[in-house]
Protein backbone atom coordinates (compact mmCIF):
# COMPACT_ATOMS: atom_id res chain seq x y z
CA MET A 1 53.83 13.69 10.25
CA THR A 2 53.41 10.04 9.21
CA SER A 3 52.08 9.18 12.66
CA SER A 4 49.54 12.01 12.47
CA LEU A 5 48.39 10.87 9.02
CA LEU A 6 48.02 7.30 10.26
CA ARG A 7 46.02 8.48 13.25
CA GLY A 8 43.86 10.68 11.02
CA GLY A 9 43.34 7.89 8.50
CA THR A 10 42.46 5.43 11.24
CA ALA A 11 39.96 7.88 12.75
CA ALA A 12 38.37 8.45 9.34
CA LEU A 13 38.06 4.71 8.76
CA LEU A 14 36.53 4.24 12.21
CA ILE A 15 34.01 7.03 11.58
CA ALA A 16 33.10 5.56 8.18
CA ALA A 17 32.74 2.09 9.67
CA ALA A 18 30.58 3.45 12.48
CA SER A 19 28.39 5.31 9.99
CA MET A 20 27.97 2.19 7.86
CA SER A 21 27.17 0.11 10.93
CA ALA A 22 24.62 2.69 12.11
CA TRP A 23 22.90 2.70 8.71
CA ALA A 24 22.95 -1.11 8.60
CA ALA A 25 21.35 -1.19 12.04
CA ASP A 26 18.81 1.42 10.98
CA GLU A 27 18.06 -0.51 7.78
CA ALA A 28 17.52 -3.73 9.71
CA ASP A 29 15.04 -1.92 11.96
CA ALA A 30 13.51 0.24 9.22
CA ILE A 31 9.77 0.60 8.72
CA GLU A 32 8.07 -1.60 6.10
CA PRO A 33 4.99 0.27 4.89
CA ASP A 34 2.14 -1.45 3.07
CA GLN A 35 1.89 1.43 0.57
CA PRO A 36 2.21 1.85 -2.33
CA GLY A 37 0.75 -0.95 -4.44
CA ILE A 38 -1.80 -3.71 -3.97
CA VAL A 39 0.62 -6.28 -2.48
CA GLU A 40 0.90 -5.37 1.18
CA SER A 41 3.96 -6.30 3.23
CA SER A 42 3.95 -9.57 5.14
CA SER A 43 5.52 -7.90 8.18
CA THR A 44 3.84 -6.25 11.14
CA VAL A 45 5.03 -3.08 12.87
CA GLY A 46 6.10 -4.81 16.10
CA GLN A 47 4.70 -4.70 19.60
CA GLY A 48 4.17 -1.19 20.98
CA ARG A 49 4.96 0.50 17.66
CA ALA A 50 2.77 2.48 15.26
CA LEU A 51 3.03 3.34 11.58
CA LEU A 52 1.07 6.08 9.83
CA GLU A 53 0.78 5.76 6.04
CA THR A 54 -0.96 8.62 4.25
CA GLY A 55 -0.82 10.63 1.07
CA LEU A 56 -2.66 12.19 -1.84
CA GLY A 57 -4.46 10.24 -4.57
CA TYR A 58 -5.79 11.38 -7.93
CA GLN A 59 -8.02 9.39 -10.30
CA ARG A 60 -8.92 10.36 -13.85
CA ASP A 61 -11.46 8.50 -15.94
CA LYS A 62 -13.65 8.89 -19.02
CA SER A 63 -16.44 6.38 -19.59
CA ASP A 64 -19.82 6.52 -21.37
CA GLY A 65 -19.38 10.23 -22.11
CA VAL A 66 -18.66 11.18 -18.48
CA ARG A 67 -15.30 12.56 -17.33
CA ASN A 68 -14.53 11.98 -13.65
CA ARG A 69 -11.78 13.51 -11.53
CA LEU A 70 -11.40 12.29 -7.96
CA TRP A 71 -8.98 13.53 -5.30
CA SER A 72 -8.53 11.53 -2.10
CA THR A 73 -6.33 11.34 0.99
CA PRO A 74 -5.80 7.59 1.59
CA THR A 75 -4.65 6.85 5.13
CA LEU A 76 -3.71 3.70 7.04
CA LEU A 77 -2.83 3.61 10.74
CA ARG A 78 -1.15 0.43 12.02
CA PHE A 79 -0.55 -0.32 15.70
CA GLY A 80 1.26 -3.42 16.98
CA PHE A 81 -0.41 -4.98 20.01
CA ALA A 82 1.83 -8.07 19.82
CA GLU A 83 5.03 -8.89 17.94
CA ASP A 84 3.18 -10.62 15.08
CA TRP A 85 -0.21 -8.87 15.34
CA GLU A 86 -1.36 -5.35 14.51
CA LEU A 87 -4.59 -3.35 14.58
CA ARG A 88 -5.41 -1.36 11.45
CA VAL A 89 -7.63 1.64 10.68
CA GLU A 90 -7.92 2.45 6.98
CA THR A 91 -9.81 5.01 4.89
CA ASP A 92 -9.60 6.92 1.62
CA GLY A 93 -10.02 10.03 3.77
CA TYR A 94 -11.44 13.28 2.47
CA GLN A 95 -12.53 13.13 -1.18
CA ARG A 96 -13.49 15.62 -3.88
CA LEU A 97 -15.24 14.42 -7.04
CA ARG A 98 -15.92 16.36 -10.25
CA ALA A 99 -18.03 14.74 -12.97
CA THR A 100 -18.59 16.37 -16.36
CA ASP A 101 -20.98 15.25 -19.10
CA ALA A 102 -23.07 16.84 -21.85
CA ASP A 103 -25.38 18.43 -19.28
CA GLY A 104 -22.61 20.16 -17.32
CA THR A 105 -20.46 19.55 -14.26
CA THR A 106 -21.44 18.23 -10.86
CA ARG A 107 -19.28 18.23 -7.75
CA ALA A 108 -19.30 16.27 -4.50
CA SER A 109 -17.03 16.22 -1.49
CA GLY A 110 -16.93 14.45 1.84
CA TRP A 111 -15.42 11.58 3.78
CA ALA A 112 -14.89 8.02 2.60
CA ASP A 113 -15.85 4.94 4.59
CA THR A 114 -13.52 3.60 7.29
CA ALA A 115 -12.31 0.02 7.70
CA LEU A 116 -11.10 -1.68 10.89
CA GLY A 117 -8.85 -4.71 10.66
CA VAL A 118 -6.05 -6.90 11.95
CA LYS A 119 -2.92 -8.35 10.37
CA TRP A 120 -1.22 -11.54 11.55
CA HIS A 121 2.36 -12.22 10.45
CA TRP A 122 2.20 -15.98 9.96
CA GLN A 123 5.63 -16.91 8.56
CA ASP A 124 9.08 -15.32 8.14
CA SER A 125 10.70 -15.27 4.70
CA ASP A 126 13.80 -17.36 3.94
CA GLY A 127 15.46 -16.45 0.67
CA GLU A 128 17.90 -19.37 0.74
CA HIS A 129 15.03 -21.87 0.70
CA ALA A 130 12.58 -19.79 -1.42
CA LYS A 131 10.29 -19.57 1.58
CA PRO A 132 7.95 -16.55 1.46
CA GLY A 133 6.96 -14.27 4.29
CA LEU A 134 3.23 -14.73 4.87
CA ALA A 135 0.53 -12.65 6.56
CA TRP A 136 -3.25 -12.76 6.87
CA LEU A 137 -5.34 -9.57 6.79
CA LEU A 138 -8.95 -9.42 8.00
CA HIS A 139 -10.81 -6.13 7.44
CA MET A 140 -14.33 -4.84 7.95
CA ASP A 141 -15.38 -1.84 5.85
CA MET A 142 -18.17 0.16 7.49
CA ASP A 143 -20.75 2.46 5.90
CA SER A 144 -19.45 5.44 7.87
CA GLY A 145 -18.64 7.98 5.16
CA SER A 146 -20.48 10.92 3.67
CA ALA A 147 -23.59 10.14 1.62
CA ALA A 148 -21.84 10.66 -1.73
CA PHE A 149 -19.09 8.14 -0.93
CA ARG A 150 -20.78 5.70 1.43
CA GLY A 151 -20.84 1.98 0.68
CA GLN A 152 -23.62 -0.51 1.35
CA GLY A 153 -23.52 -1.83 4.93
CA LEU A 154 -20.68 -3.86 6.46
CA ARG A 155 -18.23 -5.40 3.95
CA PRO A 156 -15.74 -7.96 5.31
CA SER A 157 -12.61 -9.05 3.43
CA LEU A 158 -9.91 -11.67 4.01
CA ARG A 159 -6.54 -11.59 2.24
CA LEU A 160 -3.30 -13.58 2.27
CA THR A 161 -0.10 -11.81 1.23
CA ALA A 162 3.19 -13.54 0.36
CA GLU A 163 6.63 -11.96 -0.16
CA TRP A 164 9.79 -13.61 -1.52
CA ASP A 165 13.33 -12.27 -1.02
CA LEU A 166 15.21 -12.76 -4.31
CA PRO A 167 18.93 -12.49 -5.17
CA ARG A 168 20.51 -9.03 -5.54
CA ASP A 169 17.92 -7.46 -3.24
CA TRP A 170 15.03 -8.06 -5.63
CA SER A 171 11.66 -9.13 -4.26
CA ALA A 172 8.36 -10.58 -5.47
CA GLY A 173 4.92 -10.52 -3.92
CA VAL A 174 1.47 -12.00 -4.42
CA ILE A 175 -1.80 -11.19 -2.66
CA GLY A 176 -5.14 -12.94 -2.97
CA GLY A 177 -8.40 -12.82 -1.11
CA LEU A 178 -12.17 -12.56 -1.00
CA TYR A 179 -14.56 -9.79 -0.03
CA ARG A 180 -18.30 -9.67 0.60
CA ASP A 181 -20.24 -6.64 -0.59
CA ARG A 182 -23.82 -5.52 -1.14
CA ARG A 183 -25.51 -4.14 -4.24
CA GLU A 184 -27.79 -1.11 -4.18
CA ASP A 185 -30.79 -3.46 -4.39
CA GLY A 186 -29.70 -5.04 -1.10
CA GLY A 187 -28.41 -8.33 -2.53
CA HIS A 188 -25.09 -9.68 -1.27
CA PHE A 189 -22.26 -11.08 -3.38
CA VAL A 190 -18.68 -12.33 -3.00
CA GLY A 191 -15.82 -11.00 -5.11
CA GLY A 192 -12.13 -11.73 -5.47
CA ILE A 193 -8.85 -9.86 -4.96
CA LEU A 194 -5.63 -10.84 -6.76
CA GLY A 195 -2.39 -9.02 -7.41
CA ALA A 196 1.32 -9.58 -8.04
CA SER A 197 4.39 -7.33 -7.90
CA LEU A 198 8.11 -7.37 -8.63
CA GLY A 199 10.52 -5.00 -6.87
CA TRP A 200 14.19 -4.10 -7.34
CA PRO A 201 16.79 -1.69 -5.91
CA ILE A 202 17.40 1.51 -7.86
CA ALA A 203 20.02 3.06 -5.59
CA GLU A 204 20.80 3.16 -1.88
CA ARG A 205 17.45 3.56 -0.04
CA TRP A 206 15.58 3.74 -3.39
CA LYS A 207 13.43 0.92 -4.77
CA GLY A 208 11.15 0.50 -7.76
CA TYR A 209 8.36 -1.92 -8.55
CA VAL A 210 5.84 -2.99 -11.17
CA GLU A 211 2.51 -4.66 -10.45
CA ILE A 212 -0.67 -6.09 -11.85
CA ALA A 213 -3.59 -5.35 -9.54
CA GLY A 214 -7.07 -6.83 -9.48
CA ASP A 215 -8.70 -5.19 -6.47
CA GLN A 216 -12.26 -6.02 -7.57
CA LEU A 217 -12.98 -9.26 -9.44
CA ALA A 218 -16.73 -9.78 -9.76
CA SER A 219 -19.45 -10.34 -12.33
CA THR A 220 -20.75 -7.41 -14.37
CA ARG A 221 -23.92 -7.35 -12.28
CA ASN A 222 -21.80 -6.98 -9.14
CA GLY A 223 -19.51 -4.20 -10.35
CA GLY A 224 -17.30 -6.01 -12.86
CA ARG A 225 -13.53 -6.39 -12.85
CA SER A 226 -11.23 -3.57 -11.72
CA VAL A 227 -7.75 -4.44 -13.03
CA SER A 228 -4.74 -2.16 -13.55
CA ALA A 229 -1.03 -2.25 -14.32
CA GLY A 230 1.19 -0.01 -12.24
CA THR A 231 4.66 1.10 -11.30
CA GLY A 232 6.19 3.19 -8.54
CA VAL A 233 9.21 4.15 -6.47
CA THR A 234 9.96 4.38 -2.75
CA TRP A 235 12.65 6.33 -0.92
CA LEU A 236 13.56 5.35 2.62
CA VAL A 237 14.59 8.75 3.97
CA ASP A 238 15.61 7.17 7.28
CA ARG A 239 14.51 4.15 9.26
CA ARG A 240 11.27 5.88 10.33
CA VAL A 241 10.26 7.83 7.21
CA GLN A 242 9.51 6.68 3.66
CA LEU A 243 8.25 8.66 0.65
CA ASP A 244 6.62 7.06 -2.37
CA ALA A 245 5.07 7.77 -5.76
CA SER A 246 2.96 5.47 -7.91
CA LEU A 247 1.12 5.43 -11.24
CA ASN A 248 -1.48 2.90 -12.41
CA ARG A 249 -3.16 2.48 -15.79
CA GLY A 250 -6.64 0.94 -15.89
CA LEU A 251 -7.05 -2.16 -18.07
CA THR A 252 -10.82 -2.64 -17.85
CA LYS A 253 -13.89 -0.46 -18.25
CA GLN A 254 -14.62 -0.59 -14.51
CA THR A 255 -11.13 0.72 -13.63
CA PRO A 256 -10.18 4.43 -13.61
CA ASP A 257 -8.06 5.28 -16.66
CA TRP A 258 -5.23 6.71 -14.56
CA VAL A 259 -4.46 6.66 -10.83
CA LEU A 260 -1.62 8.74 -9.38
CA GLY A 261 -0.45 8.53 -5.78
CA LEU A 262 2.04 10.41 -3.60
CA GLY A 263 2.60 9.09 -0.10
CA VAL A 264 4.52 9.40 3.14
CA SER A 265 4.92 6.81 5.88
CA ILE A 266 6.08 7.68 9.40
CA GLY A 267 6.92 5.21 12.15
CA PHE A 268 6.49 5.93 15.86
């Protein structure tokens, strides 16, 4: 009897150890999506791999007597053509807008513009020496969407993202950059991008974060400042699938009052 119990206990311990090792291996090789939040990861997907990040977005805003409701399907496809390089295709997808004022309600629907880009993982993080992971992102937004949601011409942007690994599995991130856009009168201008985030573990495979996001920093003539404060959670279902939810509150007149996002990321 004692021998059988010992054998059974040993087998159980071996199974538990194997399961923990398998999860540790999975976690080490787990996907690192850029969504949610403004601070994108400093990692790339790896050579020959792809990562699809998509979801459902909802914006609610009231300004100058007009109430706007906007639904969107933000999507990012990342493909690694080298270990530290990836190609990126990004869009806000299909959108539906409802605007209500004193004269009634108007509706518009259609496709958002698409952006093509690359990411270069420049430096690995090193928590022991407070060394951040670094990556450069170069994107080109194209006026490819439906008339109601189309931007003005080609709009390039360049961003640098930095991530720090902190004690107790916390993390911090900063992103900054510049973009070039065009006004409706045809004049060009340059704006800024700046954001910061702090993340922490909630439970196994669950993480939370808070952020301050300035995704449009320009003069009033050129669209003003779009700044928000946000929070969210992520759940790593397994090493290839992550679910997320986020909520942002606008802090300036040019920012939607509320932005809600639900997302899923799938690695291939």
